[in-house]
Amino acid sequence: MKLCINCKHWERNENAPHTPSVSKCGFDRPISLVTGDLVPIDTLPYADQERRVNGRCGLLGVNFEQSTPPQYTLEEEADLLAGDIRHE
């Protein structure tokens, strides 16, 4: 099943980080022509709107791409396990 929370385009809503049901979809996240940075997450469409019948991703999740967990070096992993949060 193609769940948005498993997609690399899924973005937590900055205003409700612990509520995945109001998450955003960054599939077509534009770059600001003023700053060159990615536009803020709060301007992106809601993921549930994108997954509706008339949404860009639709019920089948046509834009779904599996997210991959971050890759750490052995040293970074040891630091994280020891409680050193410099790498987060």
PDB file of N, CA and C in Angstrom:
ATOM      1  N   MET A   1       0.845  -1.176   0.000  1.00  0.00           N
ATOM      2  CA  MET A   1       0.000   0.000   0.000  1.00  0.00           C
ATOM      3  C   MET A   1       0.892   1.242   0.000  1.00  0.00           C
ATOM      4  N   LYS A   2       0.591   2.194  -0.825  1.00  0.00           N
ATOM      5  CA  LYS A   2       1.377   3.416  -0.950  1.00  0.00           C
ATOM      6  C   LYS A   2       0.839   4.469   0.017  1.00  0.00           C
ATOM      7  N   LEU A   3       1.420   4.509   1.216  1.00  0.00           N
ATOM      8  CA  LEU A   3       1.011   5.477   2.229  1.00  0.00           C
ATOM      9  C   LEU A   3       1.872   6.724   2.121  1.00  0.00           C
ATOM     10  N   CYS A   4       1.256   7.878   2.271  1.00  0.00           N
ATOM     11  CA  CYS A   4       1.996   9.139   2.179  1.00  0.00           C
ATOM     12  C   CYS A   4       3.130   9.208   3.189  1.00  0.00           C
ATOM     13  N   ILE A   5       2.944   8.674   4.387  1.00  0.00           N
ATOM     14  CA  ILE A   5       3.994   8.775   5.406  1.00  0.00           C
ATOM     15  C   ILE A   5       5.235   7.967   5.036  1.00  0.00           C
ATOM     16  N   ASN A   6       5.121   7.087   4.058  1.00  0.00           N
ATOM     17  CA  ASN A   6       6.267   6.309   3.583  1.00  0.00           C
ATOM     18  C   ASN A   6       6.870   6.881   2.301  1.00  0.00           C
ATOM     19  N   CYS A   7       6.357   8.020   1.863  1.00  0.00           N
ATOM     20  CA  CYS A   7       6.788   8.624   0.600  1.00  0.00           C
ATOM     21  C   CYS A   7       7.855   9.680   0.864  1.00  0.00           C
ATOM     22  N   LYS A   8       8.806   9.803  -0.038  1.00  0.00           N
ATOM     23  CA  LYS A   8       9.875  10.787   0.133  1.00  0.00           C
ATOM     24  C   LYS A   8       9.375  12.222  -0.022  1.00  0.00           C
ATOM     25  N   HIS A   9       8.197  12.417  -0.576  1.00  0.00           N
ATOM     26  CA  HIS A   9       7.634  13.754  -0.759  1.00  0.00           C
ATOM     27  C   HIS A   9       6.821  14.215   0.453  1.00  0.00           C
ATOM     28  N   TRP A  10       6.589  13.323   1.410  1.00  0.00           N
ATOM     29  CA  TRP A  10       5.778  13.640   2.577  1.00  0.00           C
ATOM     30  C   TRP A  10       6.519  14.609   3.482  1.00  0.00           C
ATOM     31  N   GLU A  11       5.844  15.664   3.906  1.00  0.00           N
ATOM     32  CA  GLU A  11       6.432  16.678   4.785  1.00  0.00           C
ATOM     33  C   GLU A  11       5.525  16.886   5.984  1.00  0.00           C
ATOM     34  N   ARG A  12       6.104  16.895   7.171  1.00  0.00           N
ATOM     35  CA  ARG A  12       5.325  17.198   8.371  1.00  0.00           C
ATOM     36  C   ARG A  12       4.851  18.644   8.307  1.00  0.00           C
ATOM     37  N   ASN A  13       3.631  18.865   8.752  1.00  0.00           N
ATOM     38  CA  ASN A  13       3.100  20.216   8.843  1.00  0.00           C
ATOM     39  C   ASN A  13       3.796  20.898  10.020  1.00  0.00           C
ATOM     40  N   GLU A  14       4.455  22.009   9.770  1.00  0.00           N
ATOM     41  CA  GLU A  14       5.202  22.696  10.821  1.00  0.00           C
ATOM     42  C   GLU A  14       4.303  23.169  11.952  1.00  0.00           C
ATOM     43  N   ASN A  15       3.042  23.426  11.651  1.00  0.00           N
ATOM     44  CA  ASN A  15       2.108  23.906  12.669  1.00  0.00           C
ATOM     45  C   ASN A  15       1.502  22.772  13.488  1.00  0.00           C
ATOM     46  N   ALA A  16       1.588  21.551  13.014  1.00  0.00           N
ATOM     47  CA  ALA A  16       1.055  20.381  13.725  1.00  0.00           C
ATOM     48  C   ALA A  16       1.985  19.192  13.488  1.00  0.00           C
ATOM     49  N   PRO A  17       3.215  19.233  14.027  1.00  0.00           N
ATOM     50  CA  PRO A  17       4.206  18.195  13.719  1.00  0.00           C
ATOM     51  C   PRO A  17       3.849  16.800  14.211  1.00  0.00           C
ATOM     52  N   HIS A  18       2.950  16.696  15.188  1.00  0.00           N
ATOM     53  CA  HIS A  18       2.587  15.385  15.732  1.00  0.00           C
ATOM     54  C   HIS A  18       1.251  14.883  15.186  1.00  0.00           C
ATOM     55  N   THR A  19       0.768  15.506  14.121  1.00  0.00           N
ATOM     56  CA  THR A  19      -0.509  15.112  13.526  1.00  0.00           C
ATOM     57  C   THR A  19      -0.293  14.801  12.045  1.00  0.00           C
ATOM     58  N   PRO A  20       0.037  13.548  11.718  1.00  0.00           N
ATOM     59  CA  PRO A  20       0.322  13.198  10.319  1.00  0.00           C
ATOM     60  C   PRO A  20      -0.852  13.415   9.370  1.00  0.00           C
ATOM     61  N   SER A  21      -2.073  13.441   9.894  1.00  0.00           N
ATOM     62  CA  SER A  21      -3.233  13.598   9.016  1.00  0.00           C
ATOM     63  C   SER A  21      -3.308  14.988   8.384  1.00  0.00           C
ATOM     64  N   VAL A  22      -2.560  15.949   8.895  1.00  0.00           N
ATOM     65  CA  VAL A  22      -2.530  17.283   8.284  1.00  0.00           C
ATOM     66  C   VAL A  22      -1.155  17.567   7.676  1.00  0.00           C
ATOM     67  N   SER A  23      -0.483  16.523   7.217  1.00  0.00           N
ATOM     68  CA  SER A  23       0.837  16.669   6.614  1.00  0.00           C
ATOM     69  C   SER A  23       0.727  17.289   5.226  1.00  0.00           C
ATOM     70  N   LYS A  24       1.852  17.678   4.696  1.00  0.00           N
ATOM     71  CA  LYS A  24       1.906  18.340   3.390  1.00  0.00           C
ATOM     72  C   LYS A  24       2.581  17.440   2.366  1.00  0.00           C
ATOM     73  N   CYS A  25       2.358  17.742   1.089  1.00  0.00           N
ATOM     74  CA  CYS A  25       2.970  16.984   0.002  1.00  0.00           C
ATOM     75  C   CYS A  25       3.970  17.879  -0.723  1.00  0.00           C
ATOM     76  N   GLY A  26       5.221  17.448  -0.757  1.00  0.00           N
ATOM     77  CA  GLY A  26       6.273  18.224  -1.409  1.00  0.00           C
ATOM     78  C   GLY A  26       6.653  17.696  -2.778  1.00  0.00           C
ATOM     79  N   PHE A  27       5.727  16.995  -3.443  1.00  0.00           N
ATOM     80  CA  PHE A  27       6.042  16.415  -4.758  1.00  0.00           C
ATOM     81  C   PHE A  27       6.538  17.476  -5.734  1.00  0.00           C
ATOM     82  N   ASP A  28       5.833  18.571  -5.816  1.00  0.00           N
ATOM     83  CA  ASP A  28       6.187  19.619  -6.763  1.00  0.00           C
ATOM     84  C   ASP A  28       6.569  20.866  -5.972  1.00  0.00           C
ATOM     85  N   ARG A  29       7.566  20.718  -5.074  1.00  0.00           N
ATOM     86  CA  ARG A  29       7.948  21.829  -4.204  1.00  0.00           C
ATOM     87  C   ARG A  29       8.826  22.804  -4.980  1.00  0.00           C
ATOM     88  N   PRO A  30       8.276  23.977  -5.302  1.00  0.00           N
ATOM     89  CA  PRO A  30       9.031  24.929  -6.112  1.00  0.00           C
ATOM     90  C   PRO A  30      10.139  25.634  -5.329  1.00  0.00           C
ATOM     91  N   ILE A  31      11.009  26.257  -6.071  1.00  0.00           N
ATOM     92  CA  ILE A  31      12.098  27.048  -5.507  1.00  0.00           C
ATOM     93  C   ILE A  31      11.704  28.516  -5.621  1.00  0.00           C
ATOM     94  N   SER A  32      11.946  29.254  -4.555  1.00  0.00           N
ATOM     95  CA  SER A  32      11.653  30.685  -4.553  1.00  0.00           C
ATOM     96  C   SER A  32      12.528  31.382  -5.574  1.00  0.00           C
ATOM     97  N   LEU A  33      11.921  32.167  -6.422  1.00  0.00           N
ATOM     98  CA  LEU A  33      12.681  32.909  -7.416  1.00  0.00           C
ATOM     99  C   LEU A  33      13.353  34.136  -6.795  1.00  0.00           C
ATOM    100  N   VAL A  34      13.013  34.432  -5.547  1.00  0.00           N
ATOM    101  CA  VAL A  34      13.627  35.555  -4.840  1.00  0.00           C
ATOM    102  C   VAL A  34      14.887  35.110  -4.113  1.00  0.00           C
ATOM    103  N   THR A  35      14.787  34.001  -3.366  1.00  0.00           N
ATOM    104  CA  THR A  35      15.914  33.575  -2.531  1.00  0.00           C
ATOM    105  C   THR A  35      16.661  32.361  -3.064  1.00  0.00           C
ATOM    106  N   GLY A  36      16.026  31.578  -3.911  1.00  0.00           N
ATOM    107  CA  GLY A  36      16.640  30.346  -4.401  1.00  0.00           C
ATOM    108  C   GLY A  36      16.439  29.176  -3.465  1.00  0.00           C
ATOM    109  N   ASP A  37      15.788  29.415  -2.323  1.00  0.00           N
ATOM    110  CA  ASP A  37      15.486  28.354  -1.361  1.00  0.00           C
ATOM    111  C   ASP A  37      14.180  27.671  -1.738  1.00  0.00           C
ATOM    112  N   LEU A  38      13.978  26.468  -1.193  1.00  0.00           N
ATOM    113  CA  LEU A  38      12.687  25.814  -1.378  1.00  0.00           C
ATOM    114  C   LEU A  38      11.612  26.638  -0.684  1.00  0.00           C
ATOM    115  N   VAL A  39      10.415  26.698  -1.271  1.00  0.00           N
ATOM    116  CA  VAL A  39       9.335  27.461  -0.640  1.00  0.00           C
ATOM    117  C   VAL A  39       8.980  26.818   0.705  1.00  0.00           C
ATOM    118  N   PRO A  40       8.459  27.594   1.642  1.00  0.00           N
ATOM    119  CA  PRO A  40       8.136  27.056   2.964  1.00  0.00           C
ATOM    120  C   PRO A  40       7.120  25.913   2.890  1.00  0.00           C
ATOM    121  N   ILE A  41       7.264  24.969   3.808  1.00  0.00           N
ATOM    122  CA  ILE A  41       6.378  23.817   3.842  1.00  0.00           C
ATOM    123  C   ILE A  41       4.921  24.232   4.010  1.00  0.00           C
ATOM    124  N   ASP A  42       4.661  25.307   4.780  1.00  0.00           N
ATOM    125  CA  ASP A  42       3.270  25.690   5.026  1.00  0.00           C
ATOM    126  C   ASP A  42       2.542  26.182   3.778  1.00  0.00           C
ATOM    127  N   THR A  43       3.273  26.422   2.673  1.00  0.00           N
ATOM    128  CA  THR A  43       2.617  26.829   1.433  1.00  0.00           C
ATOM    129  C   THR A  43       2.285  25.636   0.520  1.00  0.00           C
ATOM    130  N   LEU A  44       2.729  24.443   0.900  1.00  0.00           N
ATOM    131  CA  LEU A  44       2.481  23.239   0.093  1.00  0.00           C
ATOM    132  C   LEU A  44       1.062  22.738   0.283  1.00  0.00           C
ATOM    133  N   PRO A  45       0.529  21.972  -0.674  1.00  0.00           N
ATOM    134  CA  PRO A  45      -0.813  21.409  -0.521  1.00  0.00           C
ATOM    135  C   PRO A  45      -0.819  20.276   0.507  1.00  0.00           C
ATOM    136  N   TYR A  46      -1.973  20.058   1.115  1.00  0.00           N
ATOM    137  CA  TYR A  46      -2.119  18.958   2.076  1.00  0.00           C
ATOM    138  C   TYR A  46      -2.044  17.623   1.337  1.00  0.00           C
ATOM    139  N   ALA A  47      -1.400  16.654   1.970  1.00  0.00           N
ATOM    140  CA  ALA A  47      -1.238  15.332   1.365  1.00  0.00           C
ATOM    141  C   ALA A  47      -2.591  14.679   1.097  1.00  0.00           C
ATOM    142  N   ASP A  48      -3.554  14.839   2.002  1.00  0.00           N
ATOM    143  CA  ASP A  48      -4.852  14.188   1.788  1.00  0.00           C
ATOM    144  C   ASP A  48      -5.580  14.779   0.583  1.00  0.00           C
ATOM    145  N   GLN A  49      -5.347  16.034   0.261  1.00  0.00           N
ATOM    146  CA  GLN A  49      -5.958  16.620  -0.937  1.00  0.00           C
ATOM    147  C   GLN A  49      -5.321  16.052  -2.203  1.00  0.00           C
ATOM    148  N   GLU A  50      -4.019  15.830  -2.150  1.00  0.00           N
ATOM    149  CA  GLU A  50      -3.309  15.284  -3.304  1.00  0.00           C
ATOM    150  C   GLU A  50      -3.698  13.833  -3.583  1.00  0.00           C
ATOM    151  N   ARG A  51      -4.145  13.104  -2.552  1.00  0.00           N
ATOM    152  CA  ARG A  51      -4.494  11.689  -2.709  1.00  0.00           C
ATOM    153  C   ARG A  51      -5.969  11.461  -3.026  1.00  0.00           C
ATOM    154  N   ARG A  52      -6.726  12.512  -3.192  1.00  0.00           N
ATOM    155  CA  ARG A  52      -8.139  12.361  -3.576  1.00  0.00           C
ATOM    156  C   ARG A  52      -8.251  12.012  -5.053  1.00  0.00           C
ATOM    157  N   VAL A  53      -9.428  11.631  -5.466  1.00  0.00           N
ATOM    158  CA  VAL A  53      -9.665  11.210  -6.854  1.00  0.00           C
ATOM    159  C   VAL A  53      -9.179  12.266  -7.843  1.00  0.00           C
ATOM    160  N   ASN A  54      -9.443  13.535  -7.550  1.00  0.00           N
ATOM    161  CA  ASN A  54      -9.048  14.596  -8.478  1.00  0.00           C
ATOM    162  C   ASN A  54      -7.718  15.254  -8.100  1.00  0.00           C
ATOM    163  N   GLY A  55      -6.972  14.689  -7.150  1.00  0.00           N
ATOM    164  CA  GLY A  55      -5.664  15.214  -6.763  1.00  0.00           C
ATOM    165  C   GLY A  55      -4.577  14.780  -7.731  1.00  0.00           C
ATOM    166  N   ARG A  56      -3.424  15.414  -7.643  1.00  0.00           N
ATOM    167  CA  ARG A  56      -2.323  15.095  -8.558  1.00  0.00           C
ATOM    168  C   ARG A  56      -1.798  13.677  -8.371  1.00  0.00           C
ATOM    169  N   CYS A  57      -1.851  13.160  -7.160  1.00  0.00           N
ATOM    170  CA  CYS A  57      -1.338  11.814  -6.892  1.00  0.00           C
ATOM    171  C   CYS A  57      -2.443  10.765  -7.039  1.00  0.00           C
ATOM    172  N   GLY A  58      -3.652  11.157  -6.734  1.00  0.00           N
ATOM    173  CA  GLY A  58      -4.791  10.262  -6.887  1.00  0.00           C
ATOM    174  C   GLY A  58      -4.826   9.136  -5.872  1.00  0.00           C
ATOM    175  N   LEU A  59      -5.853   8.326  -5.957  1.00  0.00           N
ATOM    176  CA  LEU A  59      -6.042   7.212  -5.033  1.00  0.00           C
ATOM    177  C   LEU A  59      -4.937   6.162  -5.155  1.00  0.00           C
ATOM    178  N   LEU A  60      -4.373   6.041  -6.336  1.00  0.00           N
ATOM    179  CA  LEU A  60      -3.339   5.021  -6.568  1.00  0.00           C
ATOM    180  C   LEU A  60      -1.934   5.480  -6.152  1.00  0.00           C
ATOM    181  N   GLY A  61      -1.774   6.748  -5.850  1.00  0.00           N
ATOM    182  CA  GLY A  61      -0.466   7.244  -5.449  1.00  0.00           C
ATOM    183  C   GLY A  61       0.537   7.254  -6.587  1.00  0.00           C
ATOM    184  N   VAL A  62       0.175   7.841  -7.717  1.00  0.00           N
ATOM    185  CA  VAL A  62       1.032   7.791  -8.903  1.00  0.00           C
ATOM    186  C   VAL A  62       2.367   8.511  -8.726  1.00  0.00           C
ATOM    187  N   ASN A  63       2.450   9.477  -7.799  1.00  0.00           N
ATOM    188  CA  ASN A  63       3.701  10.204  -7.566  1.00  0.00           C
ATOM    189  C   ASN A  63       4.499   9.640  -6.395  1.00  0.00           C
ATOM    190  N   PHE A  64       4.051   8.526  -5.851  1.00  0.00           N
ATOM    191  CA  PHE A  64       4.693   7.930  -4.688  1.00  0.00           C
ATOM    192  C   PHE A  64       6.107   7.472  -5.018  1.00  0.00           C
ATOM    193  N   GLU A  65       7.051   7.818  -4.139  1.00  0.00           N
ATOM    194  CA  GLU A  65       8.425   7.316  -4.220  1.00  0.00           C
ATOM    195  C   GLU A  65       8.817   6.920  -2.806  1.00  0.00           C
ATOM    196  N   GLN A  66       9.235   5.691  -2.631  1.00  0.00           N
ATOM    197  CA  GLN A  66       9.590   5.175  -1.313  1.00  0.00           C
ATOM    198  C   GLN A  66      10.683   6.029  -0.681  1.00  0.00           C
ATOM    199  N   SER A  67      10.486   6.434   0.559  1.00  0.00           N
ATOM    200  CA  SER A  67      11.528   7.190   1.257  1.00  0.00           C
ATOM    201  C   SER A  67      12.599   6.225   1.748  1.00  0.00           C
ATOM    202  N   THR A  68      13.789   6.738   1.875  1.00  0.00           N
ATOM    203  CA  THR A  68      14.885   5.913   2.379  1.00  0.00           C
ATOM    204  C   THR A  68      15.358   6.515   3.694  1.00  0.00           C
ATOM    205  N   PRO A  69      15.689   5.674   4.660  1.00  0.00           N
ATOM    206  CA  PRO A  69      16.170   6.203   5.938  1.00  0.00           C
ATOM    207  C   PRO A  69      17.525   6.874   5.752  1.00  0.00           C
ATOM    208  N   PRO A  70      17.846   7.844   6.615  1.00  0.00           N
ATOM    209  CA  PRO A  70      19.161   8.488   6.482  1.00  0.00           C
ATOM    210  C   PRO A  70      20.285   7.490   6.699  1.00  0.00           C
ATOM    211  N   GLN A  71      21.364   7.656   5.966  1.00  0.00           N
ATOM    212  CA  GLN A  71      22.513   6.774   6.081  1.00  0.00           C
ATOM    213  C   GLN A  71      23.574   7.454   6.939  1.00  0.00           C
ATOM    214  N   TYR A  72      24.026   6.766   7.973  1.00  0.00           N
ATOM    215  CA  TYR A  72      25.033   7.310   8.870  1.00  0.00           C
ATOM    216  C   TYR A  72      26.325   6.515   8.753  1.00  0.00           C
ATOM    217  N   THR A  73      27.445   7.203   8.986  1.00  0.00           N
ATOM    218  CA  THR A  73      28.716   6.497   9.079  1.00  0.00           C
ATOM    219  C   THR A  73      28.733   5.773  10.432  1.00  0.00           C
ATOM    220  N   LEU A  74      29.657   4.858  10.613  1.00  0.00           N
ATOM    221  CA  LEU A  74      29.741   4.138  11.889  1.00  0.00           C
ATOM    222  C   LEU A  74      30.012   5.104  13.038  1.00  0.00           C
ATOM    223  N   GLU A  75      30.830   6.130  12.783  1.00  0.00           N
ATOM    224  CA  GLU A  75      31.132   7.114  13.824  1.00  0.00           C
ATOM    225  C   GLU A  75      29.890   7.927  14.195  1.00  0.00           C
ATOM    226  N   GLU A  76      29.130   8.377  13.181  1.00  0.00           N
ATOM    227  CA  GLU A  76      27.906   9.134  13.439  1.00  0.00           C
ATOM    228  C   GLU A  76      26.894   8.279  14.193  1.00  0.00           C
ATOM    229  N   GLU A  77      26.760   7.031  13.792  1.00  0.00           N
ATOM    230  CA  GLU A  77      25.824   6.129  14.461  1.00  0.00           C
ATOM    231  C   GLU A  77      26.222   5.927  15.920  1.00  0.00           C
ATOM    232  N   ALA A  78      27.505   5.761  16.200  1.00  0.00           N
ATOM    233  CA  ALA A  78      27.973   5.610  17.581  1.00  0.00           C
ATOM    234  C   ALA A  78      27.682   6.871  18.391  1.00  0.00           C
ATOM    235  N   ASP A  79      27.881   8.057  17.780  1.00  0.00           N
ATOM    236  CA  ASP A  79      27.582   9.317  18.464  1.00  0.00           C
ATOM    237  C   ASP A  79      26.094   9.422  18.788  1.00  0.00           C
ATOM    238  N   LEU A  80      25.251   9.047  17.823  1.00  0.00           N
ATOM    239  CA  LEU A  80      23.807   9.112  18.049  1.00  0.00           C
ATOM    240  C   LEU A  80      23.378   8.162  19.159  1.00  0.00           C
ATOM    241  N   LEU A  81      23.937   6.962  19.158  1.00  0.00           N
ATOM    242  CA  LEU A  81      23.593   5.993  20.194  1.00  0.00           C
ATOM    243  C   LEU A  81      24.112   6.430  21.562  1.00  0.00           C
ATOM    244  N   ALA A  82      25.197   7.199  21.575  1.00  0.00           N
ATOM    245  CA  ALA A  82      25.762   7.687  22.833  1.00  0.00           C
ATOM    246  C   ALA A  82      25.048   8.950  23.323  1.00  0.00           C
ATOM    247  N   GLY A  83      24.139   9.473  22.523  1.00  0.00           N
ATOM    248  CA  GLY A  83      23.386  10.649  22.937  1.00  0.00           C
ATOM    249  C   GLY A  83      23.938  11.953  22.392  1.00  0.00           C
ATOM    250  N   ASP A  84      24.935  11.914  21.524  1.00  0.00           N
ATOM    251  CA  ASP A  84      25.490  13.115  20.927  1.00  0.00           C
ATOM    252  C   ASP A  84      24.604  13.501  19.750  1.00  0.00           C
ATOM    253  N   ILE A  85      23.934  14.642  19.837  1.00  0.00           N
ATOM    254  CA  ILE A  85      22.939  15.013  18.822  1.00  0.00           C
ATOM    255  C   ILE A  85      23.477  15.999  17.783  1.00  0.00           C
ATOM    256  N   ARG A  86      24.788  16.125  17.656  1.00  0.00           N
ATOM    257  CA  ARG A  86      25.352  17.055  16.673  1.00  0.00           C
ATOM    258  C   ARG A  86      24.933  16.710  15.249  1.00  0.00           C
ATOM    259  N   HIS A  87      24.604  15.455  14.974  1.00  0.00           N
ATOM    260  CA  HIS A  87      24.323  15.017  13.607  1.00  0.00           C
ATOM    261  C   HIS A  87      22.851  15.077  13.243  1.00  0.00           C
ATOM    262  N   GLU A  88      22.018  15.559  14.137  1.00  0.00           N
ATOM    263  CA  GLU A  88      20.580  15.592  13.834  1.00  0.00           C
ATOM    264  C   GLU A  88      20.195  16.898  13.211  1.00  0.00           C
TER     265      GLU A  88
END
